[in-house]
Amino acid sequence: LDTVAKAAPDGLTLGIGPVSSMAIMPAGGVKLPYKVERDFSMISMLATLSGAILAHPDAPFSDLAGLLAYARANPGKLAYGSSGVGTSSHLAGELLAYRAGIEMVHVPYRGTAPAVQDLLGGQIKVLFETSITSAVQMVRAGKVKAIALTGSTPSQLLPQVKTVAEQGYPGYDVAPWMGLVAPAGLAQARVCPYSVHWSFEAAKPYSNR
């Protein structure tokens, strides 16, 4: 993204701006070589991802109510994995703990793959997975249990699994996104007229959580 920020606004240099670099890190005070609200032209939202809360088959709960009940009965003993400190999966876990008033131990990994391996091996009992497509095969194979979806809407991939919001926490919505960006100053004439324009305002829900 730093390359995009420093390029000429001629429409020849574009970049993919993920929520981590465009919203989470700036809101968390991470020093970056660019200013999101100053150095980019926001062209279009490309995608949003729906994640899932997954549990090892041996976990003593199979839904969100059970997970929360276990956490309340065992404060500070339930560990959950994420793809790293400050990632969407980390924020999803902390937001749930805050909204539900529970204590969980955060176990950050260097990416999703090692976190999934430890979940399958039983080293951790819960994982906040940012991509439901990655979780579907494991759930269908019975290797993990799907506790809840972290996005705001149900998914056709796992129609039997309710969202966190549907299970008693309205407004809970952690759906990582990515957008198409260009250097600041890009003329509107070079922006596709069919694109959906977006802005730094998308970062505010994350900075307020």
N, C-alpha and C. Protein backbone atom coordinates (compact mmCIF):
# COMPACT_ATOMS: atom_id res chain seq x y z
N LEU A 1 0.82 -1.22 0.00
CA LEU A 1 0.00 0.00 0.00
C LEU A 1 0.85 1.27 0.00
N ASP A 2 2.04 1.20 0.59
CA ASP A 2 2.92 2.35 0.58
C ASP A 2 3.31 2.72 -0.85
N THR A 3 3.49 1.71 -1.70
CA THR A 3 3.80 1.97 -3.11
C THR A 3 2.66 2.70 -3.79
N VAL A 4 1.44 2.29 -3.50
CA VAL A 4 0.27 2.95 -4.07
C VAL A 4 0.18 4.38 -3.58
N ALA A 5 0.39 4.58 -2.29
CA ALA A 5 0.28 5.92 -1.71
C ALA A 5 1.26 6.90 -2.33
N LYS A 6 2.43 6.41 -2.75
CA LYS A 6 3.48 7.28 -3.29
C LYS A 6 3.46 7.36 -4.82
N ALA A 7 2.55 6.64 -5.46
CA ALA A 7 2.50 6.65 -6.93
C ALA A 7 1.76 7.86 -7.46
N ALA A 8 1.94 8.11 -8.74
CA ALA A 8 1.22 9.21 -9.40
C ALA A 8 -0.25 8.82 -9.55
N PRO A 9 -1.16 9.78 -9.35
CA PRO A 9 -2.60 9.47 -9.46
C PRO A 9 -3.07 9.46 -10.91
N ASP A 10 -2.48 8.55 -11.69
CA ASP A 10 -2.80 8.50 -13.12
C ASP A 10 -3.69 7.32 -13.50
N GLY A 11 -4.14 6.56 -12.50
CA GLY A 11 -5.02 5.43 -12.76
C GLY A 11 -4.28 4.16 -13.15
N LEU A 12 -2.95 4.20 -13.19
CA LEU A 12 -2.17 3.03 -13.58
C LEU A 12 -1.71 2.20 -12.39
N THR A 13 -1.77 2.76 -11.21
CA THR A 13 -1.34 2.05 -10.01
C THR A 13 -2.53 1.93 -9.05
N LEU A 14 -2.93 0.69 -8.79
CA LEU A 14 -4.04 0.41 -7.89
C LEU A 14 -3.58 -0.57 -6.82
N GLY A 15 -4.31 -0.66 -5.75
CA GLY A 15 -3.95 -1.59 -4.69
C GLY A 15 -5.18 -2.16 -4.01
N ILE A 16 -4.97 -3.26 -3.30
CA ILE A 16 -6.03 -3.87 -2.50
C ILE A 16 -5.82 -3.44 -1.06
N GLY A 17 -6.80 -2.78 -0.50
CA GLY A 17 -6.71 -2.29 0.87
C GLY A 17 -7.52 -3.16 1.81
N PRO A 18 -6.86 -4.03 2.60
CA PRO A 18 -7.61 -4.85 3.56
C PRO A 18 -7.95 -4.07 4.81
N VAL A 19 -8.93 -4.54 5.54
CA VAL A 19 -9.37 -3.85 6.75
C VAL A 19 -8.24 -3.69 7.75
N SER A 20 -7.32 -4.66 7.80
CA SER A 20 -6.23 -4.57 8.76
C SER A 20 -5.36 -3.34 8.52
N SER A 21 -5.02 -3.09 7.25
CA SER A 21 -4.14 -1.97 6.92
C SER A 21 -4.88 -0.65 6.78
N MET A 22 -6.16 -0.71 6.42
CA MET A 22 -6.91 0.51 6.18
C MET A 22 -7.68 1.01 7.39
N ALA A 23 -7.91 0.14 8.36
CA ALA A 23 -8.75 0.55 9.49
C ALA A 23 -8.19 0.12 10.84
N ILE A 24 -7.90 -1.18 11.00
CA ILE A 24 -7.54 -1.68 12.33
C ILE A 24 -6.22 -1.09 12.81
N MET A 25 -5.19 -1.18 12.00
CA MET A 25 -3.89 -0.66 12.43
C MET A 25 -3.90 0.85 12.63
N PRO A 26 -4.48 1.63 11.71
CA PRO A 26 -4.56 3.07 11.97
C PRO A 26 -5.34 3.41 13.24
N ALA A 27 -6.46 2.71 13.45
CA ALA A 27 -7.26 2.97 14.66
C ALA A 27 -6.52 2.55 15.92
N GLY A 28 -5.63 1.56 15.80
CA GLY A 28 -4.87 1.08 16.96
C GLY A 28 -3.61 1.86 17.22
N GLY A 29 -3.35 2.89 16.44
CA GLY A 29 -2.18 3.72 16.66
C GLY A 29 -0.88 3.17 16.10
N VAL A 30 -0.97 2.16 15.23
CA VAL A 30 0.23 1.60 14.62
C VAL A 30 0.83 2.61 13.65
N LYS A 31 2.13 2.84 13.74
CA LYS A 31 2.80 3.79 12.86
C LYS A 31 2.96 3.19 11.48
N LEU A 32 2.38 3.84 10.48
CA LEU A 32 2.41 3.36 9.10
C LEU A 32 3.07 4.42 8.21
N PRO A 33 3.61 4.03 7.08
CA PRO A 33 4.26 5.00 6.20
C PRO A 33 3.28 5.82 5.37
N TYR A 34 1.99 5.67 5.63
CA TYR A 34 0.98 6.41 4.91
C TYR A 34 -0.16 6.78 5.85
N LYS A 35 -0.95 7.77 5.43
CA LYS A 35 -2.16 8.16 6.14
C LYS A 35 -3.36 7.75 5.27
N VAL A 36 -4.19 6.87 5.80
CA VAL A 36 -5.28 6.34 5.00
C VAL A 36 -6.18 7.45 4.46
N GLU A 37 -6.59 8.35 5.35
CA GLU A 37 -7.54 9.38 4.94
C GLU A 37 -6.92 10.46 4.06
N ARG A 38 -5.60 10.49 3.96
CA ARG A 38 -4.92 11.52 3.17
C ARG A 38 -4.32 11.00 1.87
N ASP A 39 -3.83 9.78 1.86
CA ASP A 39 -2.98 9.31 0.78
C ASP A 39 -3.66 8.40 -0.25
N PHE A 40 -4.96 8.15 -0.08
CA PHE A 40 -5.62 7.24 -1.02
C PHE A 40 -6.91 7.82 -1.58
N SER A 41 -7.22 7.40 -2.80
CA SER A 41 -8.55 7.59 -3.37
C SER A 41 -9.27 6.25 -3.22
N MET A 42 -10.40 6.28 -2.55
CA MET A 42 -11.14 5.05 -2.31
C MET A 42 -12.07 4.80 -3.51
N ILE A 43 -11.84 3.71 -4.23
CA ILE A 43 -12.57 3.47 -5.47
C ILE A 43 -13.79 2.59 -5.26
N SER A 44 -13.58 1.41 -4.67
CA SER A 44 -14.70 0.49 -4.56
C SER A 44 -14.47 -0.52 -3.45
N MET A 45 -15.54 -0.89 -2.76
CA MET A 45 -15.49 -2.02 -1.85
C MET A 45 -15.49 -3.29 -2.71
N LEU A 46 -14.54 -4.18 -2.47
CA LEU A 46 -14.43 -5.39 -3.27
C LEU A 46 -15.15 -6.57 -2.65
N ALA A 47 -15.01 -6.74 -1.35
CA ALA A 47 -15.60 -7.92 -0.71
C ALA A 47 -15.66 -7.75 0.79
N THR A 48 -16.60 -8.42 1.39
CA THR A 48 -16.64 -8.56 2.84
C THR A 48 -16.67 -10.06 3.15
N LEU A 49 -16.06 -10.43 4.24
CA LEU A 49 -15.96 -11.84 4.61
C LEU A 49 -16.78 -12.11 5.87
N SER A 50 -17.41 -13.26 5.89
CA SER A 50 -18.12 -13.70 7.09
C SER A 50 -17.30 -14.78 7.76
N GLY A 51 -17.04 -14.63 9.04
CA GLY A 51 -16.26 -15.60 9.78
C GLY A 51 -17.13 -16.47 10.66
N ALA A 52 -16.46 -17.33 11.44
CA ALA A 52 -17.20 -18.24 12.30
C ALA A 52 -16.41 -18.51 13.58
N ILE A 53 -17.15 -18.79 14.64
CA ILE A 53 -16.54 -19.26 15.88
C ILE A 53 -16.59 -20.78 15.83
N LEU A 54 -15.42 -21.39 15.88
CA LEU A 54 -15.32 -22.84 15.79
C LEU A 54 -14.84 -23.42 17.11
N ALA A 55 -15.24 -24.65 17.38
CA ALA A 55 -14.83 -25.33 18.61
C ALA A 55 -14.38 -26.75 18.30
N HIS A 56 -13.45 -27.25 19.10
CA HIS A 56 -13.01 -28.63 18.98
C HIS A 56 -14.18 -29.55 19.34
N PRO A 57 -14.29 -30.72 18.71
CA PRO A 57 -15.42 -31.63 19.01
C PRO A 57 -15.54 -32.00 20.49
N ASP A 58 -14.42 -31.99 21.22
CA ASP A 58 -14.45 -32.34 22.63
C ASP A 58 -14.84 -31.18 23.55
N ALA A 59 -15.01 -30.00 22.99
CA ALA A 59 -15.40 -28.85 23.81
C ALA A 59 -16.76 -29.12 24.46
N PRO A 60 -16.92 -28.74 25.73
CA PRO A 60 -18.16 -29.04 26.45
C PRO A 60 -19.31 -28.09 26.13
N PHE A 61 -19.40 -27.68 24.88
CA PHE A 61 -20.50 -26.80 24.44
C PHE A 61 -20.61 -26.93 22.93
N SER A 62 -21.83 -26.67 22.43
CA SER A 62 -22.08 -26.80 20.99
C SER A 62 -22.78 -25.59 20.40
N ASP A 63 -23.03 -24.59 21.22
CA ASP A 63 -23.64 -23.37 20.72
C ASP A 63 -23.10 -22.19 21.52
N LEU A 64 -23.51 -21.00 21.15
CA LEU A 64 -22.97 -19.81 21.81
C LEU A 64 -23.38 -19.73 23.27
N ALA A 65 -24.62 -20.09 23.57
CA ALA A 65 -25.08 -20.05 24.96
C ALA A 65 -24.23 -20.98 25.82
N GLY A 66 -23.91 -22.15 25.30
CA GLY A 66 -23.08 -23.09 26.04
C GLY A 66 -21.67 -22.58 26.23
N LEU A 67 -21.10 -21.96 25.19
CA LEU A 67 -19.75 -21.39 25.29
C LEU A 67 -19.71 -20.32 26.37
N LEU A 68 -20.69 -19.43 26.35
CA LEU A 68 -20.71 -18.34 27.32
C LEU A 68 -20.93 -18.86 28.74
N ALA A 69 -21.78 -19.87 28.88
CA ALA A 69 -22.02 -20.45 30.20
C ALA A 69 -20.74 -21.08 30.74
N TYR A 70 -20.01 -21.77 29.86
CA TYR A 70 -18.75 -22.40 30.28
C TYR A 70 -17.73 -21.34 30.68
N ALA A 71 -17.64 -20.27 29.90
CA ALA A 71 -16.69 -19.20 30.20
C ALA A 71 -17.03 -18.52 31.53
N ARG A 72 -18.31 -18.34 31.81
CA ARG A 72 -18.70 -17.70 33.07
C ARG A 72 -18.41 -18.61 34.26
N ALA A 73 -18.58 -19.91 34.06
CA ALA A 73 -18.32 -20.86 35.15
C ALA A 73 -16.83 -21.10 35.35
N ASN A 74 -16.04 -20.76 34.33
CA ASN A 74 -14.59 -20.98 34.40
C ASN A 74 -13.86 -19.72 33.93
N PRO A 75 -13.98 -18.63 34.68
CA PRO A 75 -13.40 -17.36 34.22
C PRO A 75 -11.89 -17.46 34.00
N GLY A 76 -11.47 -17.00 32.83
CA GLY A 76 -10.05 -16.98 32.51
C GLY A 76 -9.46 -18.31 32.10
N LYS A 77 -10.27 -19.36 32.00
CA LYS A 77 -9.75 -20.69 31.65
C LYS A 77 -10.02 -21.08 30.21
N LEU A 78 -10.96 -20.42 29.56
CA LEU A 78 -11.26 -20.75 28.17
C LEU A 78 -10.35 -19.94 27.26
N ALA A 79 -9.52 -20.63 26.49
CA ALA A 79 -8.60 -19.98 25.56
C ALA A 79 -9.17 -20.02 24.15
N TYR A 80 -9.01 -18.94 23.44
CA TYR A 80 -9.43 -18.91 22.04
C TYR A 80 -8.26 -18.47 21.17
N GLY A 81 -8.17 -19.06 20.00
CA GLY A 81 -7.11 -18.73 19.06
C GLY A 81 -7.55 -17.71 18.04
N SER A 82 -6.59 -16.94 17.54
CA SER A 82 -6.83 -16.00 16.46
C SER A 82 -5.64 -16.04 15.52
N SER A 83 -5.76 -15.36 14.39
CA SER A 83 -4.68 -15.33 13.41
C SER A 83 -3.60 -14.32 13.76
N GLY A 84 -3.71 -13.66 14.92
CA GLY A 84 -2.68 -12.73 15.34
C GLY A 84 -3.23 -11.55 16.11
N VAL A 85 -2.35 -10.88 16.82
CA VAL A 85 -2.74 -9.70 17.60
C VAL A 85 -3.21 -8.59 16.67
N GLY A 86 -4.36 -8.02 16.98
CA GLY A 86 -4.88 -6.92 16.19
C GLY A 86 -5.57 -7.30 14.90
N THR A 87 -5.74 -8.60 14.67
CA THR A 87 -6.44 -9.04 13.47
C THR A 87 -7.95 -9.02 13.69
N SER A 88 -8.70 -9.22 12.62
CA SER A 88 -10.15 -9.24 12.75
C SER A 88 -10.62 -10.36 13.67
N SER A 89 -9.95 -11.51 13.62
CA SER A 89 -10.36 -12.62 14.48
C SER A 89 -10.09 -12.30 15.95
N HIS A 90 -9.00 -11.60 16.22
CA HIS A 90 -8.72 -11.16 17.59
C HIS A 90 -9.80 -10.19 18.07
N LEU A 91 -10.14 -9.22 17.22
CA LEU A 91 -11.17 -8.25 17.60
C LEU A 91 -12.52 -8.91 17.78
N ALA A 92 -12.80 -9.93 16.97
CA ALA A 92 -14.07 -10.64 17.10
C ALA A 92 -14.18 -11.30 18.47
N GLY A 93 -13.08 -11.91 18.94
CA GLY A 93 -13.07 -12.54 20.25
C GLY A 93 -13.21 -11.53 21.37
N GLU A 94 -12.48 -10.42 21.27
CA GLU A 94 -12.54 -9.41 22.32
C GLU A 94 -13.89 -8.72 22.36
N LEU A 95 -14.49 -8.52 21.19
CA LEU A 95 -15.81 -7.89 21.16
C LEU A 95 -16.85 -8.80 21.81
N LEU A 96 -16.77 -10.09 21.54
CA LEU A 96 -17.71 -11.02 22.18
C LEU A 96 -17.50 -11.03 23.69
N ALA A 97 -16.25 -11.08 24.14
CA ALA A 97 -15.97 -11.09 25.58
C ALA A 97 -16.52 -9.82 26.23
N TYR A 98 -16.34 -8.69 25.57
CA TYR A 98 -16.83 -7.43 26.11
C TYR A 98 -18.35 -7.38 26.16
N ARG A 99 -18.99 -7.78 25.06
CA ARG A 99 -20.45 -7.72 25.00
C ARG A 99 -21.09 -8.70 25.97
N ALA A 100 -20.47 -9.88 26.13
CA ALA A 100 -21.07 -10.92 26.98
C ALA A 100 -20.60 -10.84 28.43
N GLY A 101 -19.59 -10.02 28.70
CA GLY A 101 -19.08 -9.90 30.06
C GLY A 101 -18.38 -11.15 30.55
N ILE A 102 -17.57 -11.77 29.69
CA ILE A 102 -16.85 -12.99 30.06
C ILE A 102 -15.35 -12.75 29.96
N GLU A 103 -14.59 -13.67 30.53
CA GLU A 103 -13.14 -13.64 30.42
C GLU A 103 -12.66 -14.82 29.58
N MET A 104 -11.89 -14.52 28.55
CA MET A 104 -11.26 -15.57 27.74
C MET A 104 -9.79 -15.22 27.57
N VAL A 105 -8.97 -16.24 27.41
CA VAL A 105 -7.54 -16.04 27.19
C VAL A 105 -7.26 -16.03 25.70
N HIS A 106 -6.66 -14.96 25.22
CA HIS A 106 -6.36 -14.85 23.80
C HIS A 106 -5.04 -15.54 23.49
N VAL A 107 -5.05 -16.42 22.49
CA VAL A 107 -3.84 -17.11 22.03
C VAL A 107 -3.60 -16.70 20.58
N PRO A 108 -2.71 -15.73 20.36
CA PRO A 108 -2.46 -15.28 18.98
C PRO A 108 -1.51 -16.21 18.25
N TYR A 109 -1.80 -16.46 16.98
CA TYR A 109 -0.93 -17.28 16.14
C TYR A 109 -0.39 -16.41 15.01
N ARG A 110 0.61 -16.93 14.33
CA ARG A 110 1.16 -16.24 13.17
C ARG A 110 0.42 -16.71 11.92
N GLY A 111 -0.83 -16.34 11.84
CA GLY A 111 -1.65 -16.73 10.71
C GLY A 111 -2.70 -17.76 11.09
N THR A 112 -3.62 -18.00 10.17
CA THR A 112 -4.73 -18.90 10.43
C THR A 112 -4.32 -20.37 10.43
N ALA A 113 -3.41 -20.74 9.51
CA ALA A 113 -3.05 -22.16 9.36
C ALA A 113 -2.56 -22.80 10.66
N PRO A 114 -1.60 -22.22 11.38
CA PRO A 114 -1.18 -22.86 12.64
C PRO A 114 -2.27 -22.86 13.70
N ALA A 115 -3.14 -21.85 13.68
CA ALA A 115 -4.24 -21.82 14.63
C ALA A 115 -5.21 -22.96 14.37
N VAL A 116 -5.50 -23.21 13.09
CA VAL A 116 -6.39 -24.32 12.73
C VAL A 116 -5.78 -25.65 13.15
N GLN A 117 -4.49 -25.81 12.94
CA GLN A 117 -3.83 -27.05 13.32
C GLN A 117 -3.94 -27.33 14.81
N ASP A 118 -3.79 -26.28 15.62
CA ASP A 118 -3.90 -26.47 17.06
C ASP A 118 -5.35 -26.71 17.49
N LEU A 119 -6.29 -26.14 16.76
CA LEU A 119 -7.70 -26.42 17.06
C LEU A 119 -8.01 -27.88 16.75
N LEU A 120 -7.57 -28.36 15.60
CA LEU A 120 -7.82 -29.75 15.23
C LEU A 120 -7.12 -30.71 16.18
N GLY A 121 -5.96 -30.29 16.69
CA GLY A 121 -5.22 -31.14 17.62
C GLY A 121 -5.68 -31.03 19.06
N GLY A 122 -6.59 -30.11 19.33
CA GLY A 122 -7.12 -29.98 20.67
C GLY A 122 -6.30 -29.12 21.61
N GLN A 123 -5.23 -28.47 21.08
CA GLN A 123 -4.44 -27.59 21.93
C GLN A 123 -5.23 -26.36 22.36
N ILE A 124 -6.12 -25.91 21.51
CA ILE A 124 -7.08 -24.86 21.88
C ILE A 124 -8.47 -25.41 21.60
N LYS A 125 -9.44 -24.93 22.34
CA LYS A 125 -10.81 -25.42 22.19
C LYS A 125 -11.66 -24.53 21.30
N VAL A 126 -11.25 -23.28 21.10
CA VAL A 126 -12.06 -22.33 20.33
C VAL A 126 -11.16 -21.54 19.39
N LEU A 127 -11.65 -21.30 18.20
CA LEU A 127 -10.95 -20.48 17.22
C LEU A 127 -11.93 -19.53 16.57
N PHE A 128 -11.55 -18.27 16.48
CA PHE A 128 -12.31 -17.29 15.71
C PHE A 128 -11.70 -17.25 14.31
N GLU A 129 -12.40 -17.86 13.37
CA GLU A 129 -11.95 -17.98 11.98
C GLU A 129 -12.57 -16.85 11.16
N THR A 130 -11.75 -16.13 10.41
CA THR A 130 -12.25 -14.96 9.69
C THR A 130 -12.95 -15.31 8.37
N SER A 131 -12.75 -16.49 7.86
CA SER A 131 -13.35 -16.87 6.57
C SER A 131 -14.21 -18.12 6.74
N ILE A 132 -15.48 -17.97 6.47
CA ILE A 132 -16.40 -19.10 6.61
C ILE A 132 -16.10 -20.19 5.57
N THR A 133 -15.57 -19.79 4.41
CA THR A 133 -15.27 -20.78 3.38
C THR A 133 -14.18 -21.75 3.85
N SER A 134 -13.27 -21.26 4.68
CA SER A 134 -12.22 -22.12 5.22
C SER A 134 -12.77 -23.07 6.26
N ALA A 135 -13.84 -22.66 6.91
CA ALA A 135 -14.39 -23.46 8.01
C ALA A 135 -15.36 -24.54 7.53
N VAL A 136 -15.98 -24.33 6.37
CA VAL A 136 -17.06 -25.20 5.94
C VAL A 136 -16.65 -26.66 5.85
N GLN A 137 -15.52 -26.94 5.20
CA GLN A 137 -15.11 -28.33 5.02
C GLN A 137 -14.84 -29.02 6.35
N MET A 138 -14.23 -28.30 7.28
CA MET A 138 -13.95 -28.89 8.60
C MET A 138 -15.24 -29.18 9.35
N VAL A 139 -16.20 -28.27 9.23
CA VAL A 139 -17.47 -28.45 9.92
C VAL A 139 -18.22 -29.64 9.31
N ARG A 140 -18.29 -29.68 7.99
CA ARG A 140 -19.02 -30.76 7.31
C ARG A 140 -18.38 -32.13 7.56
N ALA A 141 -17.06 -32.13 7.76
CA ALA A 141 -16.36 -33.39 8.02
C ALA A 141 -16.43 -33.79 9.49
N GLY A 142 -17.03 -32.96 10.31
CA GLY A 142 -17.15 -33.26 11.73
C GLY A 142 -15.88 -33.05 12.52
N LYS A 143 -14.91 -32.35 11.93
CA LYS A 143 -13.64 -32.13 12.62
C LYS A 143 -13.73 -31.00 13.64
N VAL A 144 -14.68 -30.10 13.45
CA VAL A 144 -14.91 -28.99 14.39
C VAL A 144 -16.41 -28.75 14.50
N LYS A 145 -16.78 -28.02 15.52
CA LYS A 145 -18.18 -27.60 15.69
C LYS A 145 -18.28 -26.11 15.39
N ALA A 146 -19.31 -25.73 14.65
CA ALA A 146 -19.55 -24.32 14.36
C ALA A 146 -20.47 -23.75 15.44
N ILE A 147 -19.96 -22.82 16.20
CA ILE A 147 -20.70 -22.25 17.32
C ILE A 147 -21.59 -21.09 16.88
N ALA A 148 -21.05 -20.23 16.03
CA ALA A 148 -21.80 -19.05 15.57
C ALA A 148 -21.07 -18.41 14.41
N LEU A 149 -21.78 -17.60 13.65
CA LEU A 149 -21.19 -16.79 12.60
C LEU A 149 -20.93 -15.40 13.15
N THR A 150 -19.82 -14.80 12.74
CA THR A 150 -19.47 -13.49 13.31
C THR A 150 -19.98 -12.32 12.47
N GLY A 151 -20.47 -12.59 11.27
CA GLY A 151 -21.05 -11.53 10.46
C GLY A 151 -22.47 -11.23 10.86
N SER A 152 -23.10 -10.32 10.13
CA SER A 152 -24.44 -9.87 10.50
C SER A 152 -25.55 -10.68 9.85
N THR A 153 -25.20 -11.50 8.85
CA THR A 153 -26.24 -12.25 8.13
C THR A 153 -25.91 -13.73 8.10
N PRO A 154 -26.93 -14.59 8.01
CA PRO A 154 -26.70 -16.04 7.89
C PRO A 154 -25.97 -16.36 6.59
N SER A 155 -25.43 -17.56 6.52
CA SER A 155 -24.70 -17.98 5.33
C SER A 155 -25.32 -19.25 4.74
N GLN A 156 -25.43 -19.29 3.41
CA GLN A 156 -25.94 -20.48 2.74
C GLN A 156 -24.96 -21.65 2.86
N LEU A 157 -23.70 -21.36 3.16
CA LEU A 157 -22.72 -22.42 3.30
C LEU A 157 -22.94 -23.22 4.58
N LEU A 158 -23.40 -22.52 5.62
CA LEU A 158 -23.71 -23.16 6.90
C LEU A 158 -25.07 -22.67 7.37
N PRO A 159 -26.13 -23.09 6.69
CA PRO A 159 -27.46 -22.54 6.98
C PRO A 159 -27.98 -22.88 8.37
N GLN A 160 -27.41 -23.92 8.99
CA GLN A 160 -27.88 -24.33 10.30
C GLN A 160 -27.23 -23.54 11.44
N VAL A 161 -26.25 -22.72 11.10
CA VAL A 161 -25.50 -21.99 12.12
C VAL A 161 -26.00 -20.55 12.20
N LYS A 162 -26.38 -20.12 13.39
CA LYS A 162 -26.88 -18.76 13.58
C LYS A 162 -25.73 -17.78 13.83
N THR A 163 -26.00 -16.53 13.57
CA THR A 163 -25.02 -15.49 13.86
C THR A 163 -24.99 -15.20 15.36
N VAL A 164 -23.93 -14.54 15.80
CA VAL A 164 -23.86 -14.10 17.19
C VAL A 164 -25.03 -13.18 17.50
N ALA A 165 -25.35 -12.30 16.55
CA ALA A 165 -26.46 -11.38 16.75
C ALA A 165 -27.77 -12.11 16.96
N GLU A 166 -27.99 -13.16 16.18
CA GLU A 166 -29.23 -13.94 16.30
C GLU A 166 -29.29 -14.72 17.61
N GLN A 167 -28.14 -14.94 18.22
CA GLN A 167 -28.09 -15.71 19.46
C GLN A 167 -28.02 -14.83 20.70
N GLY A 168 -28.54 -13.62 20.55
CA GLY A 168 -28.71 -12.79 21.74
C GLY A 168 -27.88 -11.53 21.82
N TYR A 169 -27.08 -11.22 20.79
CA TYR A 169 -26.23 -10.04 20.86
C TYR A 169 -26.40 -9.18 19.60
N PRO A 170 -27.56 -8.54 19.48
CA PRO A 170 -27.83 -7.72 18.30
C PRO A 170 -26.78 -6.63 18.13
N GLY A 171 -26.42 -6.39 16.88
CA GLY A 171 -25.40 -5.39 16.58
C GLY A 171 -24.00 -5.95 16.49
N TYR A 172 -23.82 -7.19 16.97
CA TYR A 172 -22.50 -7.81 16.84
C TYR A 172 -22.27 -8.13 15.37
N ASP A 173 -21.21 -7.58 14.82
CA ASP A 173 -20.93 -7.78 13.40
C ASP A 173 -19.45 -7.54 13.14
N VAL A 174 -18.69 -8.59 12.97
CA VAL A 174 -17.28 -8.47 12.61
C VAL A 174 -17.12 -9.15 11.25
N ALA A 175 -17.09 -8.35 10.22
CA ALA A 175 -17.01 -8.86 8.84
C ALA A 175 -15.85 -8.16 8.14
N PRO A 176 -14.67 -8.76 8.11
CA PRO A 176 -13.52 -8.13 7.45
C PRO A 176 -13.83 -7.77 6.00
N TRP A 177 -13.28 -6.65 5.55
CA TRP A 177 -13.53 -6.22 4.18
C TRP A 177 -12.22 -5.86 3.49
N MET A 178 -12.28 -5.72 2.19
CA MET A 178 -11.15 -5.22 1.42
C MET A 178 -11.67 -4.36 0.28
N GLY A 179 -10.92 -3.31 -0.02
CA GLY A 179 -11.37 -2.39 -1.04
C GLY A 179 -10.28 -2.09 -2.06
N LEU A 180 -10.70 -1.52 -3.18
CA LEU A 180 -9.79 -1.13 -4.24
C LEU A 180 -9.41 0.33 -4.03
N VAL A 181 -8.10 0.61 -3.99
CA VAL A 181 -7.64 1.97 -3.72
C VAL A 181 -6.66 2.42 -4.79
N ALA A 182 -6.52 3.74 -4.89
CA ALA A 182 -5.57 4.36 -5.80
C ALA A 182 -4.90 5.50 -5.05
N PRO A 183 -3.85 6.08 -5.62
CA PRO A 183 -3.23 7.23 -4.96
C PRO A 183 -4.21 8.39 -4.81
N ALA A 184 -4.00 9.20 -3.80
CA ALA A 184 -4.86 10.37 -3.59
C ALA A 184 -4.78 11.29 -4.81
N GLY A 185 -5.90 11.93 -5.09
CA GLY A 185 -5.92 12.87 -6.20
C GLY A 185 -6.35 12.28 -7.52
N LEU A 186 -6.73 11.02 -7.52
CA LEU A 186 -7.19 10.39 -8.76
C LEU A 186 -8.44 11.10 -9.25
N ALA A 187 -8.41 11.52 -10.51
CA ALA A 187 -9.56 12.22 -11.07
C ALA A 187 -10.76 11.30 -11.13
N GLN A 188 -11.92 11.83 -10.82
CA GLN A 188 -13.14 11.03 -10.84
C GLN A 188 -13.40 10.43 -12.22
N ALA A 189 -12.91 11.08 -13.26
CA ALA A 189 -13.12 10.58 -14.61
C ALA A 189 -12.43 9.24 -14.82
N ARG A 190 -11.41 8.95 -14.00
CA ARG A 190 -10.69 7.69 -14.14
C ARG A 190 -11.27 6.59 -13.26
N VAL A 191 -12.24 6.94 -12.44
CA VAL A 191 -12.88 5.95 -11.57
C VAL A 191 -14.05 5.34 -12.31
N CYS A 192 -14.14 4.01 -12.31
CA CYS A 192 -15.22 3.32 -13.01
C CYS A 192 -16.57 3.84 -12.53
N PRO A 193 -17.44 4.28 -13.42
CA PRO A 193 -18.73 4.84 -13.00
C PRO A 193 -19.65 3.82 -12.34
N TYR A 194 -19.32 2.52 -12.50
CA TYR A 194 -20.16 1.50 -11.91
C TYR A 194 -19.62 1.02 -10.56
N SER A 195 -18.49 1.59 -10.14
CA SER A 195 -17.92 1.18 -8.86
C SER A 195 -18.73 1.75 -7.71
N VAL A 196 -18.65 1.10 -6.58
CA VAL A 196 -19.34 1.57 -5.38
C VAL A 196 -18.34 2.34 -4.55
N HIS A 197 -18.47 3.64 -4.49
CA HIS A 197 -17.50 4.47 -3.79
C HIS A 197 -17.60 4.23 -2.28
N TRP A 198 -16.46 4.22 -1.62
CA TRP A 198 -16.42 4.03 -0.18
C TRP A 198 -15.41 4.99 0.41
N SER A 199 -15.31 5.05 1.69
CA SER A 199 -14.45 6.05 2.32
C SER A 199 -13.89 5.56 3.64
N PHE A 200 -13.10 6.42 4.27
CA PHE A 200 -12.48 6.10 5.55
C PHE A 200 -13.53 5.95 6.65
N GLU A 201 -14.76 6.38 6.38
CA GLU A 201 -15.83 6.22 7.36
C GLU A 201 -16.02 4.75 7.71
N ALA A 202 -15.66 3.84 6.81
CA ALA A 202 -15.80 2.41 7.09
C ALA A 202 -14.96 1.96 8.26
N ALA A 203 -13.92 2.73 8.58
CA ALA A 203 -13.04 2.34 9.69
C ALA A 203 -13.65 2.65 11.04
N LYS A 204 -14.59 3.58 11.11
CA LYS A 204 -15.09 4.03 12.40
C LYS A 204 -15.71 2.94 13.26
N PRO A 205 -16.50 2.01 12.68
CA PRO A 205 -17.05 0.95 13.55
C PRO A 205 -15.98 0.16 14.28
N TYR A 206 -14.80 -0.02 13.65
CA TYR A 206 -13.73 -0.78 14.29
C TYR A 206 -13.06 0.05 15.38
N SER A 207 -12.89 1.35 15.13
CA SER A 207 -12.24 2.18 16.13
C SER A 207 -13.13 2.40 17.35
N ASN A 208 -14.43 2.19 17.19
CA ASN A 208 -15.37 2.40 18.30
C ASN A 208 -15.62 1.14 19.11
N ARG A 209 -15.03 0.00 18.69
CA ARG A 209 -15.32 -1.26 19.38
C ARG A 209 -14.29 -1.52 20.45
